[in-house]
Protein backbone atom coordinates (compact mmCIF):
# COMPACT_ATOMS: atom_id res chain seq x y z
CA MET A 1 -41.94 9.74 16.47
CA SER A 2 -42.90 9.83 12.73
CA VAL A 3 -43.10 6.83 10.14
CA ARG A 4 -39.84 8.73 8.51
CA SER A 5 -37.94 8.48 11.59
CA HIS A 6 -38.51 5.38 12.41
CA HIS A 7 -37.35 4.33 8.91
CA SER A 8 -34.23 6.51 8.95
CA LEU A 9 -33.46 4.71 12.43
CA GLY A 10 -34.06 1.48 11.15
CA THR A 11 -31.87 1.58 8.32
CA ARG A 12 -29.15 3.30 10.81
CA GLU A 13 -29.55 -0.25 12.84
CA LYS A 14 -29.47 -2.15 10.11
CA ARG A 15 -26.19 -0.72 8.77
CA ARG A 16 -24.26 -0.14 11.08
CA PRO A 17 -23.40 -4.17 11.98
CA LEU A 18 -22.09 -3.65 8.16
CA ARG A 19 -20.35 -0.30 8.70
CA VAL A 20 -18.12 -2.36 11.82
CA LEU A 21 -17.06 -4.96 9.62
CA THR A 22 -16.32 -2.70 6.55
CA TYR A 23 -13.96 -1.12 9.26
CA ALA A 24 -12.50 -4.09 10.54
CA GLY A 25 -11.95 -5.08 7.12
CA ALA A 26 -10.03 -1.57 6.38
CA ILE A 27 -7.67 -2.33 9.42
CA VAL A 28 -7.14 -6.05 8.20
CA ALA A 29 -6.77 -4.96 4.62
CA PHE A 30 -3.71 -2.10 5.41
CA LEU A 31 -2.44 -4.39 7.25
CA ILE A 32 -1.51 -7.61 5.40
CA GLY A 33 0.55 -5.93 3.11
CA SER A 34 3.80 -7.60 1.06
CA GLY A 35 4.91 -8.54 4.77
CA PHE A 36 1.64 -10.75 5.95
CA ALA A 37 0.66 -11.64 2.21
CA THR A 38 3.96 -13.28 1.14
CA GLY A 39 4.44 -14.76 4.68
CA GLN A 40 8.09 -13.30 5.54
CA GLU A 41 6.81 -11.08 8.08
CA ILE A 42 5.16 -13.72 10.13
CA LEU A 43 8.37 -16.10 9.26
CA GLN A 44 10.14 -13.92 10.97
CA TYR A 45 8.25 -12.55 14.12
CA PHE A 46 5.94 -15.60 14.97
CA ALA A 47 7.13 -19.15 13.38
CA SER A 48 11.63 -18.51 13.87
CA TYR A 49 10.48 -18.48 17.45
CA GLY A 50 8.57 -22.08 17.63
CA TYR A 51 6.21 -22.91 19.58
CA TRP A 52 6.94 -19.81 22.03
CA GLY A 53 6.51 -17.58 18.81
CA ILE A 54 2.97 -19.13 17.91
CA LEU A 55 1.22 -18.76 21.58
CA GLY A 56 3.43 -16.38 23.61
CA THR A 57 4.10 -13.74 20.56
CA GLY A 58 0.62 -14.99 19.04
CA GLY A 59 -0.98 -13.75 22.43
CA LEU A 60 0.73 -10.50 23.25
CA VAL A 61 0.23 -9.95 19.45
CA LEU A 62 -3.51 -10.70 19.92
CA ALA A 63 -3.99 -8.32 23.35
CA LEU A 64 -1.86 -5.37 22.62
CA MET A 65 -3.30 -4.75 18.80
CA SER A 66 -6.97 -5.10 19.81
CA TYR A 67 -6.04 -2.40 22.35
CA VAL A 68 -4.50 -0.27 19.84
CA CYS A 69 -7.27 -0.75 17.15
CA VAL A 70 -9.39 0.40 19.73
CA GLU A 71 -7.54 3.27 21.35
CA PHE A 72 -7.31 4.65 17.80
CA PHE A 73 -10.57 4.40 16.96
CA ARG A 74 -12.44 5.90 19.63
CA ALA A 75 -10.02 8.95 19.99
CA GLY A 76 -10.50 9.98 16.45
CA GLN A 77 -14.32 9.48 17.26
CA LYS A 78 -14.37 11.41 20.28
CA HIS A 79 -12.07 14.11 19.61
CA GLN A 80 -12.62 14.63 15.75
CA PHE A 81 -9.09 15.78 15.24
CA GLU A 82 -8.13 17.93 12.46
CA ARG A 83 -5.32 16.47 11.27
CA PRO A 84 -5.34 12.50 11.96
CA SER A 85 -1.76 12.50 12.93
CA LEU A 86 -2.69 15.19 15.58
CA VAL A 87 -3.39 11.68 17.93
CA PHE A 88 0.08 11.53 18.67
CA ARG A 89 -0.01 14.73 20.16
CA HIS A 90 -3.25 13.45 21.86
CA TYR A 91 -1.19 10.87 23.94
CA CYS A 92 2.72 12.02 23.75
CA GLY A 93 2.22 15.84 24.66
CA LYS A 94 3.12 18.60 22.44
CA HIS A 95 6.80 18.04 21.76
CA LEU A 96 7.45 14.44 21.74
CA GLY A 97 3.88 14.02 19.99
CA ALA A 98 5.65 16.05 17.37
CA PHE A 99 8.52 13.27 16.95
CA PHE A 100 6.02 10.58 16.12
CA ASP A 101 4.18 12.77 14.15
CA ALA A 102 7.45 13.48 11.91
CA PHE A 103 8.92 10.16 12.14
CA SER A 104 5.61 8.01 11.54
CA ILE A 105 5.86 9.62 8.62
CA LEU A 106 9.27 8.72 7.77
CA PHE A 107 8.25 4.81 8.77
CA VAL A 108 5.08 5.17 6.45
CA PHE A 109 7.11 5.89 3.28
CA LEU A 110 9.31 3.34 4.23
CA SER A 111 7.37 1.03 4.39
CA PHE A 112 5.40 1.64 1.08
CA THR A 113 9.15 0.90 -0.15
CA VAL A 114 8.76 -2.25 1.36
CA MET A 115 5.57 -3.12 -0.35
CA VAL A 116 7.78 -2.21 -3.64
CA SER A 117 10.37 -4.68 -2.72
CA GLY A 118 8.02 -7.20 -1.92
CA ALA A 119 5.78 -6.82 -5.42
CA GLY A 120 9.33 -7.09 -6.81
CA ALA A 121 10.15 -10.39 -4.83
CA VAL A 122 6.71 -11.67 -5.82
CA VAL A 123 7.17 -11.51 -10.09
CA GLN A 124 10.63 -12.80 -9.71
CA GLU A 125 10.45 -16.07 -7.46
CA HIS A 126 6.86 -16.77 -9.27
CA TYR A 127 7.15 -15.72 -12.50
CA GLY A 128 10.56 -15.61 -13.12
CA LEU A 129 10.61 -11.81 -14.16
CA SER A 130 12.74 -8.95 -13.33
CA ARG A 131 12.08 -7.82 -9.78
CA TYR A 132 11.85 -4.26 -11.26
CA LEU A 133 9.28 -4.90 -13.21
CA GLY A 134 6.87 -5.77 -10.16
CA GLY A 135 8.65 -3.01 -8.01
CA VAL A 136 7.72 -0.45 -10.92
CA GLY A 137 4.56 -2.04 -11.66
CA LEU A 138 3.11 -1.63 -8.29
CA ALA A 139 4.11 2.29 -7.88
CA VAL A 140 2.64 3.10 -10.91
CA ALA A 141 -0.55 1.45 -9.63
CA VAL A 142 -0.70 2.92 -6.42
CA GLY A 143 0.48 6.03 -7.71
CA ALA A 144 -2.39 6.14 -9.74
CA THR A 145 -4.86 4.79 -7.38
CA VAL A 146 -4.25 7.84 -4.62
CA TRP A 147 -3.96 10.46 -7.40
CA PHE A 148 -7.82 10.22 -7.05
CA GLY A 149 -7.91 10.25 -3.56
CA LEU A 150 -9.28 8.11 -0.50
CA LYS A 151 -12.70 8.71 -1.32
CA ASN A 152 -14.78 5.40 -1.68
CA LEU A 153 -11.22 4.00 -0.78
CA VAL A 154 -12.27 2.23 2.80
CA ASP A 155 -15.56 0.60 1.29
CA VAL A 156 -12.82 -0.75 -1.64
CA ILE A 157 -9.99 -2.08 0.16
CA GLY A 158 -12.29 -3.18 3.16
CA LYS A 159 -14.04 -5.19 1.15
CA ILE A 160 -10.64 -7.02 -0.63
CA GLY A 161 -8.57 -7.52 2.52
CA PRO A 162 -10.86 -10.18 4.02
CA VAL A 163 -11.20 -12.19 1.24
CA ILE A 164 -7.31 -12.00 0.90
CA VAL A 165 -6.78 -13.03 4.96
CA VAL A 166 -9.23 -15.79 4.18
CA VAL A 167 -7.39 -16.88 1.64
CA ALA A 168 -4.56 -17.04 3.49
CA VAL A 169 -5.42 -18.63 7.08
CA VAL A 170 -7.29 -21.59 4.66
CA LEU A 171 -3.71 -21.92 3.20
CA GLY A 172 -1.77 -21.65 6.32
CA ILE A 173 -4.14 -24.72 7.73
CA VAL A 174 -3.90 -26.60 4.87
CA GLY A 175 -0.45 -26.77 5.46
CA LEU A 176 -1.00 -27.67 8.95
CA VAL A 177 -3.16 -30.51 8.13
CA ARG A 178 -0.66 -31.75 5.52
CA SER A 179 2.70 -31.96 7.93
CA PRO A 180 1.20 -32.08 11.14
CA GLU A 181 3.78 -34.16 12.83
CA ASN A 182 5.92 -31.21 11.83
CA LEU A 183 5.48 -29.91 14.95
CA ALA A 184 6.66 -32.41 16.93
CA GLY A 185 10.07 -32.12 16.32
CA VAL A 186 10.36 -28.26 15.62
CA HIS A 187 11.82 -27.48 18.40
CA ASP A 188 15.06 -29.25 17.63
CA LEU A 189 14.63 -28.57 14.03
CA LEU A 190 14.90 -24.86 14.05
CA PRO A 191 18.50 -24.30 16.12
CA THR A 192 20.01 -26.24 12.83
CA LEU A 193 17.97 -23.27 9.66
CA GLU A 194 19.06 -20.15 8.53
CA LEU A 195 15.66 -18.01 9.77
CA THR A 196 16.16 -14.49 9.75
CA ARG A 197 14.09 -13.53 13.20
CA ALA A 198 13.40 -10.40 14.26
CA SER A 199 14.54 -9.88 17.96
CA THR A 200 16.56 -12.20 20.01
CA ASN A 201 13.37 -13.90 21.76
CA TRP A 202 9.81 -14.30 21.43
CA PHE A 203 8.69 -11.36 23.99
CA ALA A 204 10.55 -8.95 22.19
CA ALA A 205 9.29 -9.38 18.76
CA GLY A 206 5.68 -9.50 20.10
CA LEU A 207 6.43 -5.90 21.04
CA SER A 208 8.41 -4.74 17.88
CA TYR A 209 5.44 -6.46 15.69
CA VAL A 210 2.92 -4.05 17.73
CA GLY A 211 5.29 -1.61 17.34
CA PHE A 212 5.67 -1.17 13.84
CA CYS A 213 1.74 -1.79 13.24
CA MET A 214 1.22 1.05 15.52
CA LEU A 215 3.29 3.82 13.37
CA TRP A 216 0.83 2.58 10.02
CA LEU A 217 -2.32 2.13 11.76
CA ALA A 218 -2.58 5.86 13.93
CA ALA A 219 -3.57 8.41 11.25
CA PHE A 220 -5.12 6.02 9.18
CA VAL A 221 -7.25 4.59 12.36
CA THR A 222 -7.85 7.62 13.68
CA ALA A 223 -8.93 9.35 10.17
CA LEU A 224 -11.84 5.92 10.09
CA GLY A 225 -12.56 6.89 13.97
CA LYS A 226 -13.91 10.21 12.65
CA THR A 227 -16.46 8.77 10.61
CA ALA A 228 -18.43 6.41 13.71
CA THR A 229 -21.59 7.44 14.01
CA SER A 230 -20.70 6.21 18.25
CA GLN A 231 -17.83 5.01 20.65
CA LYS A 232 -19.51 2.03 20.74
CA GLU A 233 -19.26 1.79 16.93
CA ALA A 234 -15.46 2.93 16.75
CA ALA A 235 -15.13 -0.13 19.76
CA ALA A 236 -16.66 -2.74 17.24
CA GLY A 237 -14.60 -2.05 14.53
CA GLY A 238 -11.27 -1.77 16.28
CA LEU A 239 -11.66 -4.61 18.52
CA LEU A 240 -13.36 -6.79 15.10
CA GLY A 241 -10.36 -5.42 13.23
CA GLY A 242 -6.81 -5.75 15.37
CA THR A 243 -8.69 -9.36 16.62
CA ALA A 244 -9.23 -10.42 13.23
CA PHE A 245 -5.60 -9.70 12.46
CA SER A 246 -4.29 -11.39 14.82
CA LEU A 247 -5.69 -14.80 14.65
CA ALA A 248 -4.84 -14.75 11.23
CA CYS A 249 -1.06 -14.54 12.23
CA ILE A 250 -1.56 -17.34 14.60
CA VAL A 251 -3.18 -19.48 12.27
CA VAL A 252 -0.26 -18.57 9.09
CA GLY A 253 2.27 -18.88 11.27
CA LEU A 254 1.68 -22.53 12.48
CA GLY A 255 1.01 -23.23 8.79
CA LEU A 256 4.49 -22.04 8.65
CA LEU A 257 6.04 -23.68 11.14
CA ALA A 258 4.74 -27.03 10.73
CA ASN A 259 6.80 -26.34 7.29
CA ILE A 260 9.39 -24.68 8.63
CA GLU A 261 12.12 -26.76 7.23
CA ARG A 262 10.97 -26.31 3.25
CA VAL A 263 10.56 -21.87 4.12
CA ALA A 264 13.34 -21.51 5.82
CA GLY A 265 15.29 -19.13 3.36
CA THR A 266 12.49 -18.50 1.68
CA GLU A 267 11.60 -15.02 0.21
CA ILE A 268 7.84 -15.70 -0.13
CA PRO A 269 6.86 -18.29 2.34
CA MET A 270 3.68 -18.77 1.14
CA LEU A 271 4.27 -19.04 -2.19
CA VAL A 272 5.93 -22.84 -1.23
CA LEU A 273 2.94 -24.09 0.45
CA ALA A 274 1.02 -22.96 -1.80
CA ARG A 275 2.80 -25.14 -4.90
CA ASP A 276 2.86 -28.11 -2.35
CA ILE A 277 -0.36 -28.11 -3.12
CA SER A 278 -0.75 -27.18 -6.95
CA PRO A 279 1.32 -25.08 -8.81
CA ALA A 280 -1.91 -23.68 -10.72
CA LEU A 281 -3.10 -22.84 -6.81
CA ALA A 282 0.36 -20.88 -6.36
CA SER A 283 -0.57 -18.51 -9.30
CA ILE A 284 -3.43 -17.46 -7.85
CA ILE A 285 -2.20 -17.11 -4.65
CA SER A 286 0.70 -14.71 -6.54
CA VAL A 287 -2.06 -12.64 -7.70
CA MET A 288 -3.75 -12.71 -4.23
CA ILE A 289 -0.44 -11.87 -2.56
CA LEU A 290 0.19 -8.42 -4.92
CA VAL A 291 -3.55 -7.60 -4.35
CA GLY A 292 -2.52 -7.48 -0.53
CA ILE A 293 0.49 -5.74 -1.24
CA TYR A 294 -1.63 -3.30 -3.07
CA THR A 295 -4.31 -3.07 -0.83
CA THR A 296 -2.04 -1.83 2.11
CA ALA A 297 0.29 -0.01 -0.57
CA ILE A 298 -2.57 2.84 -1.39
CA PRO A 299 -3.15 4.02 2.23
CA LEU A 300 0.55 3.91 2.86
CA LEU A 301 0.96 6.59 0.25
CA TRP A 302 -2.06 8.37 0.57
CA THR A 303 -1.32 9.08 4.25
CA VAL A 304 2.42 10.57 3.61
CA SER A 305 1.09 12.92 0.42
CA SER A 306 -1.34 13.93 2.79
CA ARG A 307 0.53 14.98 5.38
CA PHE A 308 1.83 17.93 3.21
CA PHE A 309 -0.90 18.42 0.84
CA GLU A 310 -5.00 18.33 1.37
CA ASP A 311 -6.23 15.27 -0.82
CA ARG A 312 -7.11 15.81 -4.55
CA THR A 313 -4.95 19.06 -4.72
CA PRO A 314 -2.08 19.47 -7.57
CA GLY A 315 0.51 19.86 -4.75
CA PHE A 316 -1.24 16.15 -3.70
CA ARG A 317 -0.78 14.42 -6.77
CA TYR A 318 2.57 15.53 -8.34
CA SER A 319 3.82 14.93 -4.51
CA THR A 320 2.49 11.30 -4.66
CA LEU A 321 4.16 10.59 -8.33
CA GLY A 322 7.27 11.31 -6.63
CA LEU A 323 6.61 9.57 -3.48
CA ALA A 324 5.69 6.95 -5.83
CA ALA A 325 9.08 7.28 -8.23
CA ALA A 326 11.14 7.43 -4.50
CA GLY A 327 9.94 4.75 -3.17
CA ILE A 328 10.81 2.39 -6.86
CA VAL A 329 14.16 3.37 -5.73
CA ILE A 330 14.88 3.07 -2.32
CA GLY A 331 12.44 -0.54 -2.65
CA LEU A 332 14.71 -2.09 -4.85
CA ILE A 333 18.36 -2.05 -3.72
CA LEU A 334 18.12 -4.73 -1.00
CA PRO A 335 16.25 -8.02 -1.24
CA PHE A 336 12.82 -8.24 -0.04
CA SER A 337 13.15 -10.18 3.48
CA GLN A 338 16.56 -7.88 4.40
CA MET A 339 14.33 -4.88 3.85
CA VAL A 340 11.49 -6.10 6.27
CA ASN A 341 13.85 -7.11 9.07
CA ILE A 342 15.40 -3.67 8.76
CA VAL A 343 12.72 -1.20 8.38
CA TYR A 344 9.91 -2.61 10.72
CA VAL A 345 12.26 -4.39 13.41
CA ILE A 346 14.01 -0.62 14.00
CA ASN A 347 10.82 1.19 13.72
CA GLY A 348 8.81 -1.49 15.67
CA TYR A 349 10.85 -0.84 18.85
CA VAL A 350 10.07 3.45 18.08
CA GLY A 351 6.28 2.22 18.12
CA VAL A 352 6.88 0.55 21.68
CA LEU A 353 7.13 3.90 23.36
CA LEU A 354 4.32 5.01 21.70
CA LEU A 355 2.81 1.88 22.98
CA VAL A 356 3.68 2.93 26.83
CA MET A 357 2.94 6.16 26.25
CA MET A 358 -1.10 5.51 24.89
CA LEU A 359 -1.01 2.49 27.92
CA ILE A 360 -0.18 5.40 30.67
CA SER A 361 -2.68 7.89 28.80
CA THR A 362 -5.66 4.72 28.84
CA GLY A 363 -4.33 4.76 32.60
CA ARG A 364 -5.01 8.09 33.66
CA ARG A 365 -8.39 8.53 31.74
CA LEU A 366 -9.61 4.79 33.46
CA TRP A 367 -8.09 6.85 37.14
CA ALA A 368 -9.68 10.10 36.75
CA ARG A 369 -13.22 8.05 35.60
CA ARG A 370 -12.97 6.60 39.03
CA SER A 371 -12.07 8.89 41.36
CA GLY A 372 -14.96 11.26 39.79
CA ALA A 373 -17.28 8.17 40.64
CA GLU A 374 -16.36 7.50 43.95
CA ALA A 375 -16.00 12.01 44.48
CA ALA A 376 -19.92 11.64 43.22
CA GLY A 377 -20.65 8.91 45.65
CA ARG A 378 -21.12 5.96 42.45
CA PRO A 379 -19.40 2.83 41.61
CA ALA A 380 -16.74 3.39 38.90
CA ALA A 381 -18.39 0.62 37.32
CA GLN A 382 -21.72 3.19 36.55
CA THR A 383 -19.34 5.88 34.53
């Protein structure tokens, strides 16, 4: 091996861990959005069910989210789909895949409207300004960013996302440490509170949560998978991203549960925890939340625009502006908490069907490997 080749190989080896972290960061940044960053999503899907919401929903989400991220990453790296949305046909076949392709675009756009609503709620609740100012401001900022295309976007949001999650997790830990005694009587307290829940039980809530996240992740993570240099790198990025996000949900959920009486019925639960510590901190957290919403809204809007037009073309740019304007109108119709409950929950159950199809596909693949290995007279583990 030449000195130059050896140097290139060494460079690739050094860059790989950093790339895995960047992939994981991009996944986390994509998922945090207005729901996670504000705490509203965690309140409805985790904390509102008490201990079962944290342990049951949290454990279910951890297992399934990690699996989903790895699968999408591996599929993108292996098959190099011409369009990322073709991953639906890969798992579901021609007709059902076409349905998910179309439905996911609708859901991704509606998720963008939730981001608009969340930005409006933050500006209204913390700064006392019109929610229209926050919603319009976010849509304009995101539209302007997407206008210039997705080039280098993964690197940018991949570095912002982990910072936001770390801050949210620290806030959750502080909320838990400051009020640990509240966890003892929370089981009896929950029925007396007016809490908006994602479903009637923690298990269905967990499935719904993974379901709507999948419809977000499918095209985006599959596109990331195309840039991975190996299946191992793809799997590592997906596993780290899915695991990190799920654990963050559990920790933040514990913080909200310890303060459930104070955060029940609020639009931005995380700001309540921040104000308990310091008004100045609450202002910092409000900016963090807005940045978190921004990092998620960018790929959401990009995904919809790129579905119809090639990135950076005139059609792409004008459709981006039109979709951003439509997002303002739809996103500011209902209060933020209602937008989260309607858009995420309904679409989450549709996503469960995609999860089932993916599990069947994975089962068939593993069975084929085992059968092939046995036919060749080798242990299945060696395939």
